[in-house]
């Protein structure tokens, strides 16, 4: 089994095993790095780490256009239903949602805020996505925390998607420590260079042992 991972810029991804496609944090409109428009996204599910505008993004448009369930924190999915989209799968850290065909999404803790246009959107999360026989850990916007080692021990991710842009997330130094704690063999830097306040030198992201895979927006990577 294989997984096609496509970076949408910032923290967004399309993850597809050929039958199921999950759009994660699909922020495209207003994203200067976006390789496509929201109307071009084809997916079976939308999954959200938290409610910030640069992660929630085009969720409603994409979910409605694709009749796709939205997976996220309880407060986020309530908001989605208020916008007229009833297909939701709520969860919270510690929980897991079975998507069928051996695929699932689990919620981990994350340390940062979560709101949308001033509205509280519940606890922020990291996501463990099992799809295409691979396990991906999307860290969301989290700061460094020691239990990343426990998350790595439990889920054994093949790839970790780690924010490195500083200011609102970890910078490259702390993100490198996070990669070492998680222990995934491959790590992908995210949430950087979208705007000047989060411009960093990706070369400063230097985990001790993991391979760093730097993607370009729209690039498809088959794992």
C-alpha atoms as a PDB file:
ATOM      1  CA  UNK A   1       0.000   0.000   0.000  1.00  0.00           C
ATOM      2  CA  UNK A   2       1.142   3.543  -0.709  1.00  0.00           C
ATOM      3  CA  UNK A   3       0.198   7.016   0.418  1.00  0.00           C
ATOM      4  CA  UNK A   4       0.330  10.119  -1.772  1.00  0.00           C
ATOM      5  CA  UNK A   5       1.095  13.157   0.382  1.00  0.00           C
ATOM      6  CA  UNK A   6       0.633  16.604  -1.210  1.00  0.00           C
ATOM      7  CA  UNK A   7       1.532  19.811   0.632  1.00  0.00           C
ATOM      8  CA  UNK A   8      -0.965  22.641   0.154  1.00  0.00           C
ATOM      9  CA  UNK A   9       1.393  25.200   1.666  1.00  0.00           C
ATOM     10  CA  UNK A  10       1.351  26.429   5.283  1.00  0.00           C
ATOM     11  CA  UNK A  11      -0.057  23.440   7.253  1.00  0.00           C
ATOM     12  CA  UNK A  12      -2.433  21.977   4.679  1.00  0.00           C
ATOM     13  CA  UNK A  13      -2.176  18.552   3.069  1.00  0.00           C
ATOM     14  CA  UNK A  14      -3.998  16.131   0.856  1.00  0.00           C
ATOM     15  CA  UNK A  15      -3.386  12.521   1.879  1.00  0.00           C
ATOM     16  CA  UNK A  16      -4.649   9.835  -0.489  1.00  0.00           C
ATOM     17  CA  UNK A  17      -4.391   6.061  -0.719  1.00  0.00           C
ATOM     18  CA  UNK A  18      -6.181   6.033  -4.073  1.00  0.00           C
ATOM     19  CA  UNK A  19      -9.623   5.466  -2.585  1.00  0.00           C
ATOM     20  CA  UNK A  20      -9.735   7.726   0.471  1.00  0.00           C
ATOM     21  CA  UNK A  21      -8.433  11.297   0.343  1.00  0.00           C
ATOM     22  CA  UNK A  22      -8.203  13.401   3.496  1.00  0.00           C
ATOM     23  CA  UNK A  23      -7.806  17.170   3.274  1.00  0.00           C
ATOM     24  CA  UNK A  24      -6.015  18.310   6.431  1.00  0.00           C
ATOM     25  CA  UNK A  25      -6.201  21.974   7.518  1.00  0.00           C
ATOM     26  CA  UNK A  26      -7.250  23.124   4.016  1.00  0.00           C
ATOM     27  CA  UNK A  27      -6.329  26.823   4.109  1.00  0.00           C
ATOM     28  CA  UNK A  28      -6.192  27.907   0.451  1.00  0.00           C
ATOM     29  CA  UNK A  29      -8.088  31.180  -0.027  1.00  0.00           C
ATOM     30  CA  UNK A  30      -5.771  33.927   1.216  1.00  0.00           C
ATOM     31  CA  UNK A  31      -2.806  31.561   1.386  1.00  0.00           C
ATOM     32  CA  UNK A  32       0.002  32.971  -0.792  1.00  0.00           C
ATOM     33  CA  UNK A  33       1.591  29.516  -0.965  1.00  0.00           C
ATOM     34  CA  UNK A  34      -1.560  27.695  -2.108  1.00  0.00           C
ATOM     35  CA  UNK A  35      -0.976  25.546  -5.211  1.00  0.00           C
ATOM     36  CA  UNK A  36      -4.683  25.243  -6.018  1.00  0.00           C
ATOM     37  CA  UNK A  37      -8.053  26.828  -5.326  1.00  0.00           C
ATOM     38  CA  UNK A  38     -10.533  25.427  -2.844  1.00  0.00           C
ATOM     39  CA  UNK A  39     -12.842  24.538  -5.721  1.00  0.00           C
ATOM     40  CA  UNK A  40     -10.178  22.237  -7.158  1.00  0.00           C
ATOM     41  CA  UNK A  41      -9.935  20.041  -4.058  1.00  0.00           C
ATOM     42  CA  UNK A  42     -11.409  16.553  -4.320  1.00  0.00           C
ATOM     43  CA  UNK A  43     -11.545  14.616  -1.069  1.00  0.00           C
ATOM     44  CA  UNK A  44     -13.555  12.117   0.936  1.00  0.00           C
ATOM     45  CA  UNK A  45     -12.859  13.676   4.361  1.00  0.00           C
ATOM     46  CA  UNK A  46     -11.688  16.944   5.905  1.00  0.00           C
ATOM     47  CA  UNK A  47      -9.659  16.798   9.138  1.00  0.00           C
ATOM     48  CA  UNK A  48      -8.758  19.775  11.308  1.00  0.00           C
ATOM     49  CA  UNK A  49      -6.127  20.202  13.998  1.00  0.00           C
ATOM     50  CA  UNK A  50      -7.802  23.331  15.395  1.00  0.00           C
ATOM     51  CA  UNK A  51      -9.955  26.335  14.569  1.00  0.00           C
ATOM     52  CA  UNK A  52      -7.568  29.130  13.623  1.00  0.00           C
ATOM     53  CA  UNK A  53      -8.459  30.771  10.323  1.00  0.00           C
ATOM     54  CA  UNK A  54      -5.189  29.661   8.710  1.00  0.00           C
ATOM     55  CA  UNK A  55      -6.120  26.028   9.388  1.00  0.00           C
ATOM     56  CA  UNK A  56      -9.932  25.980   9.239  1.00  0.00           C
ATOM     57  CA  UNK A  57      -9.569  27.899   5.982  1.00  0.00           C
ATOM     58  CA  UNK A  58     -11.887  26.644   3.228  1.00  0.00           C
ATOM     59  CA  UNK A  59     -13.322  23.765   5.231  1.00  0.00           C
ATOM     60  CA  UNK A  60     -16.983  24.627   4.681  1.00  0.00           C
ATOM     61  CA  UNK A  61     -16.696  25.107   0.913  1.00  0.00           C
ATOM     62  CA  UNK A  62     -14.614  21.976   0.443  1.00  0.00           C
ATOM     63  CA  UNK A  63     -16.732  19.796   2.727  1.00  0.00           C
ATOM     64  CA  UNK A  64     -19.992  20.857   1.075  1.00  0.00           C
ATOM     65  CA  UNK A  65     -18.643  20.457  -2.465  1.00  0.00           C
ATOM     66  CA  UNK A  66     -17.386  16.937  -1.730  1.00  0.00           C
ATOM     67  CA  UNK A  67     -20.091  15.794   0.709  1.00  0.00           C
ATOM     68  CA  UNK A  68     -17.143  15.077   3.000  1.00  0.00           C
ATOM     69  CA  UNK A  69     -17.390  14.539   6.764  1.00  0.00           C
ATOM     70  CA  UNK A  70     -15.447  17.089   8.812  1.00  0.00           C
ATOM     71  CA  UNK A  71     -13.309  15.536  11.548  1.00  0.00           C
ATOM     72  CA  UNK A  72     -12.253  17.766  14.416  1.00  0.00           C
ATOM     73  CA  UNK A  73     -12.752  18.883  17.992  1.00  0.00           C
ATOM     74  CA  UNK A  74     -16.325  18.849  19.280  1.00  0.00           C
ATOM     75  CA  UNK A  75     -16.668  22.631  19.232  1.00  0.00           C
ATOM     76  CA  UNK A  76     -15.357  22.838  15.661  1.00  0.00           C
ATOM     77  CA  UNK A  77     -17.804  20.267  14.356  1.00  0.00           C
ATOM     78  CA  UNK A  78     -20.673  22.051  16.123  1.00  0.00           C
ATOM     79  CA  UNK A  79     -19.684  25.234  14.281  1.00  0.00           C
ATOM     80  CA  UNK A  80     -19.520  23.350  10.977  1.00  0.00           C
ATOM     81  CA  UNK A  81     -23.071  22.118  11.494  1.00  0.00           C
ATOM     82  CA  UNK A  82     -24.200  25.672  12.227  1.00  0.00           C
ATOM     83  CA  UNK A  83     -22.871  26.588   8.774  1.00  0.00           C
ATOM     84  CA  UNK A  84     -25.234  24.081   7.187  1.00  0.00           C
ATOM     85  CA  UNK A  85     -22.978  21.040   6.810  1.00  0.00           C
ATOM     86  CA  UNK A  86     -24.293  18.141   8.862  1.00  0.00           C
ATOM     87  CA  UNK A  87     -21.622  15.543   8.062  1.00  0.00           C
ATOM     88  CA  UNK A  88     -19.231  15.698  11.005  1.00  0.00           C
ATOM     89  CA  UNK A  89     -17.115  13.359  13.145  1.00  0.00           C
ATOM     90  CA  UNK A  90     -16.288  15.049  16.479  1.00  0.00           C
ATOM     91  CA  UNK A  91     -13.460  13.943  18.729  1.00  0.00           C
ATOM     92  CA  UNK A  92     -10.991  15.092  21.354  1.00  0.00           C
ATOM     93  CA  UNK A  93      -7.465  14.196  22.540  1.00  0.00           C
ATOM     94  CA  UNK A  94      -7.206  10.525  23.446  1.00  0.00           C
ATOM     95  CA  UNK A  95      -9.969   9.529  21.050  1.00  0.00           C
ATOM     96  CA  UNK A  96      -9.826   7.702  17.729  1.00  0.00           C
ATOM     97  CA  UNK A  97     -12.208   7.619  14.752  1.00  0.00           C
ATOM     98  CA  UNK A  98     -12.384   4.528  12.541  1.00  0.00           C
ATOM     99  CA  UNK A  99     -12.646   5.521   8.873  1.00  0.00           C
ATOM    100  CA  UNK A 100     -12.905   1.965   7.548  1.00  0.00           C
ATOM    101  CA  UNK A 101     -10.579  -0.074   5.323  1.00  0.00           C
ATOM    102  CA  UNK A 102      -7.921  -0.020   8.049  1.00  0.00           C
ATOM    103  CA  UNK A 103      -7.759   3.779   8.094  1.00  0.00           C
ATOM    104  CA  UNK A 104      -8.288   5.879  11.210  1.00  0.00           C
ATOM    105  CA  UNK A 105      -7.566   9.239  12.822  1.00  0.00           C
ATOM    106  CA  UNK A 106      -6.557   9.698  16.469  1.00  0.00           C
ATOM    107  CA  UNK A 107      -6.407  12.983  18.365  1.00  0.00           C
ATOM    108  CA  UNK A 108      -3.427  13.961  20.511  1.00  0.00           C
ATOM    109  CA  UNK A 109      -2.922  16.933  22.767  1.00  0.00           C
ATOM    110  CA  UNK A 110      -1.311  20.104  21.445  1.00  0.00           C
ATOM    111  CA  UNK A 111      -0.240  23.262  23.245  1.00  0.00           C
ATOM    112  CA  UNK A 112      -1.529  26.476  21.693  1.00  0.00           C
ATOM    113  CA  UNK A 113      -4.784  28.409  21.317  1.00  0.00           C
ATOM    114  CA  UNK A 114      -7.781  27.636  19.094  1.00  0.00           C
ATOM    115  CA  UNK A 115     -10.415  30.131  17.978  1.00  0.00           C
ATOM    116  CA  UNK A 116     -12.212  31.222  14.823  1.00  0.00           C
ATOM    117  CA  UNK A 117     -13.126  34.881  14.366  1.00  0.00           C
ATOM    118  CA  UNK A 118     -13.028  35.277  18.142  1.00  0.00           C
ATOM    119  CA  UNK A 119     -15.100  32.174  18.882  1.00  0.00           C
ATOM    120  CA  UNK A 120     -13.638  29.456  21.114  1.00  0.00           C
ATOM    121  CA  UNK A 121     -13.129  26.297  19.073  1.00  0.00           C
ATOM    122  CA  UNK A 122     -12.260  23.758  21.737  1.00  0.00           C
ATOM    123  CA  UNK A 123      -8.976  22.099  22.555  1.00  0.00           C
ATOM    124  CA  UNK A 124      -6.303  22.222  19.866  1.00  0.00           C
ATOM    125  CA  UNK A 125      -5.145  18.828  18.674  1.00  0.00           C
ATOM    126  CA  UNK A 126      -2.448  16.983  16.885  1.00  0.00           C
ATOM    127  CA  UNK A 127      -3.663  14.309  14.493  1.00  0.00           C
ATOM    128  CA  UNK A 128      -2.395  10.785  13.972  1.00  0.00           C
ATOM    129  CA  UNK A 129      -3.601   9.681  10.549  1.00  0.00           C
ATOM    130  CA  UNK A 130      -3.414   6.043   9.515  1.00  0.00           C
ATOM    131  CA  UNK A 131      -4.031   5.827   5.766  1.00  0.00           C
ATOM    132  CA  UNK A 132      -2.541   3.792   2.951  1.00  0.00           C
ATOM    133  CA  UNK A 133      -0.717   1.576   5.424  1.00  0.00           C
ATOM    134  CA  UNK A 134       1.283   4.559   6.708  1.00  0.00           C
ATOM    135  CA  UNK A 135       1.064   6.556   9.933  1.00  0.00           C
ATOM    136  CA  UNK A 136       1.405  10.336   9.802  1.00  0.00           C
ATOM    137  CA  UNK A 137       1.641  12.637  12.829  1.00  0.00           C
ATOM    138  CA  UNK A 138       0.434  16.173  12.046  1.00  0.00           C
ATOM    139  CA  UNK A 139       1.521  18.285  14.998  1.00  0.00           C
ATOM    140  CA  UNK A 140      -0.800  21.225  14.318  1.00  0.00           C
ATOM    141  CA  UNK A 141       0.563  24.458  15.787  1.00  0.00           C
ATOM    142  CA  UNK A 142       1.892  22.929  18.980  1.00  0.00           C
ATOM    143  CA  UNK A 143       4.751  24.111  21.095  1.00  0.00           C
ATOM    144  CA  UNK A 144       7.302  21.619  22.362  1.00  0.00           C
ATOM    145  CA  UNK A 145       6.133  19.183  25.051  1.00  0.00           C
ATOM    146  CA  UNK A 146       7.823  16.151  26.532  1.00  0.00           C
ATOM    147  CA  UNK A 147       4.965  13.721  25.847  1.00  0.00           C
ATOM    148  CA  UNK A 148       5.780  13.919  22.160  1.00  0.00           C
ATOM    149  CA  UNK A 149       8.082  11.027  23.034  1.00  0.00           C
ATOM    150  CA  UNK A 150       5.089   9.053  24.335  1.00  0.00           C
ATOM    151  CA  UNK A 151       3.100   9.844  21.191  1.00  0.00           C
ATOM    152  CA  UNK A 152       6.003   8.532  19.137  1.00  0.00           C
ATOM    153  CA  UNK A 153       6.255   5.413  21.288  1.00  0.00           C
ATOM    154  CA  UNK A 154       2.537   4.619  21.032  1.00  0.00           C
ATOM    155  CA  UNK A 155       1.840   5.412  17.381  1.00  0.00           C
ATOM    156  CA  UNK A 156       5.282   4.960  15.786  1.00  0.00           C
ATOM    157  CA  UNK A 157       4.648   7.440  12.960  1.00  0.00           C
ATOM    158  CA  UNK A 158       6.395   6.941   9.648  1.00  0.00           C
ATOM    159  CA  UNK A 159       6.368  10.692   9.034  1.00  0.00           C
ATOM    160  CA  UNK A 160       5.924  13.683  11.355  1.00  0.00           C
ATOM    161  CA  UNK A 161       4.721  17.050  10.030  1.00  0.00           C
ATOM    162  CA  UNK A 162       6.256  19.638  12.358  1.00  0.00           C
ATOM    163  CA  UNK A 163       5.722  23.431  12.465  1.00  0.00           C
ATOM    164  CA  UNK A 164       8.971  25.409  12.378  1.00  0.00           C
ATOM    165  CA  UNK A 165       7.952  29.017  11.642  1.00  0.00           C
ATOM    166  CA  UNK A 166       8.468  30.407  15.164  1.00  0.00           C
ATOM    167  CA  UNK A 167       6.407  33.174  16.810  1.00  0.00           C
ATOM    168  CA  UNK A 168       3.092  31.232  16.735  1.00  0.00           C
ATOM    169  CA  UNK A 169       4.668  27.757  16.818  1.00  0.00           C
ATOM    170  CA  UNK A 170       8.063  26.264  17.517  1.00  0.00           C
ATOM    171  CA  UNK A 171      11.048  27.680  15.675  1.00  0.00           C
ATOM    172  CA  UNK A 172      13.579  25.428  13.935  1.00  0.00           C
ATOM    173  CA  UNK A 173      15.549  24.745  17.126  1.00  0.00           C
ATOM    174  CA  UNK A 174      12.648  23.567  19.261  1.00  0.00           C
ATOM    175  CA  UNK A 175      11.118  21.805  16.265  1.00  0.00           C
ATOM    176  CA  UNK A 176      14.359  19.838  15.952  1.00  0.00           C
ATOM    177  CA  UNK A 177      14.012  18.772  19.579  1.00  0.00           C
ATOM    178  CA  UNK A 178      10.398  17.789  18.891  1.00  0.00           C
ATOM    179  CA  UNK A 179      11.497  15.620  15.968  1.00  0.00           C
ATOM    180  CA  UNK A 180      14.022  13.876  18.210  1.00  0.00           C
ATOM    181  CA  UNK A 181      11.350  13.183  20.826  1.00  0.00           C
ATOM    182  CA  UNK A 182       8.848  11.827  18.303  1.00  0.00           C
ATOM    183  CA  UNK A 183      11.385   9.560  16.655  1.00  0.00           C
ATOM    184  CA  UNK A 184       9.786   9.372  13.204  1.00  0.00           C
ATOM    185  CA  UNK A 185      12.330   8.388  10.545  1.00  0.00           C
ATOM    186  CA  UNK A 186      11.208  11.236   8.259  1.00  0.00           C
ATOM    187  CA  UNK A 187      10.041  14.723   9.236  1.00  0.00           C
ATOM    188  CA  UNK A 188       8.506  17.452   7.076  1.00  0.00           C
ATOM    189  CA  UNK A 189       8.703  21.131   8.089  1.00  0.00           C
ATOM    190  CA  UNK A 190       5.402  23.048   7.892  1.00  0.00           C
ATOM    191  CA  UNK A 191       3.876  26.376   8.977  1.00  0.00           C
ATOM    192  CA  UNK A 192       6.730  28.579   7.772  1.00  0.00           C
ATOM    193  CA  UNK A 193       7.446  31.252   5.109  1.00  0.00           C
ATOM    194  CA  UNK A 194       3.747  31.914   4.466  1.00  0.00           C
ATOM    195  CA  UNK A 195       4.141  35.521   5.667  1.00  0.00           C
ATOM    196  CA  UNK A 196       7.145  37.574   6.825  1.00  0.00           C
ATOM    197  CA  UNK A 197       6.564  37.025  10.583  1.00  0.00           C
ATOM    198  CA  UNK A 198       7.084  33.280  10.137  1.00  0.00           C
ATOM    199  CA  UNK A 199       9.942  33.398   7.643  1.00  0.00           C
ATOM    200  CA  UNK A 200      12.787  31.144   8.798  1.00  0.00           C
ATOM    201  CA  UNK A 201      15.756  29.369   7.265  1.00  0.00           C
ATOM    202  CA  UNK A 202      14.584  25.786   6.834  1.00  0.00           C
ATOM    203  CA  UNK A 203      18.238  24.700   6.910  1.00  0.00           C
ATOM    204  CA  UNK A 204      18.182  25.464  10.652  1.00  0.00           C
ATOM    205  CA  UNK A 205      15.741  22.582  11.155  1.00  0.00           C
ATOM    206  CA  UNK A 206      18.274  19.909  12.079  1.00  0.00           C
ATOM    207  CA  UNK A 207      16.965  16.876  13.977  1.00  0.00           C
ATOM    208  CA  UNK A 208      19.650  14.574  15.310  1.00  0.00           C
ATOM    209  CA  UNK A 209      18.617  11.498  13.351  1.00  0.00           C
ATOM    210  CA  UNK A 210      15.472  11.971  11.250  1.00  0.00           C
ATOM    211  CA  UNK A 211      15.628  12.651   7.530  1.00  0.00           C
ATOM    212  CA  UNK A 212      14.238  16.111   6.724  1.00  0.00           C
ATOM    213  CA  UNK A 213      12.013  16.122   3.649  1.00  0.00           C
ATOM    214  CA  UNK A 214      11.371  19.687   2.437  1.00  0.00           C
ATOM    215  CA  UNK A 215       8.310  19.828   0.188  1.00  0.00           C
ATOM    216  CA  UNK A 216       7.206  22.520  -2.229  1.00  0.00           C
ATOM    217  CA  UNK A 217       3.513  23.482  -2.409  1.00  0.00           C
ATOM    218  CA  UNK A 218       1.658  21.183  -4.773  1.00  0.00           C
ATOM    219  CA  UNK A 219       4.403  18.568  -4.740  1.00  0.00           C
ATOM    220  CA  UNK A 220       3.167  15.008  -4.500  1.00  0.00           C
ATOM    221  CA  UNK A 221       5.279  12.591  -2.474  1.00  0.00           C
ATOM    222  CA  UNK A 222       4.498   8.878  -2.619  1.00  0.00           C
ATOM    223  CA  UNK A 223       5.384   7.123   0.617  1.00  0.00           C
END
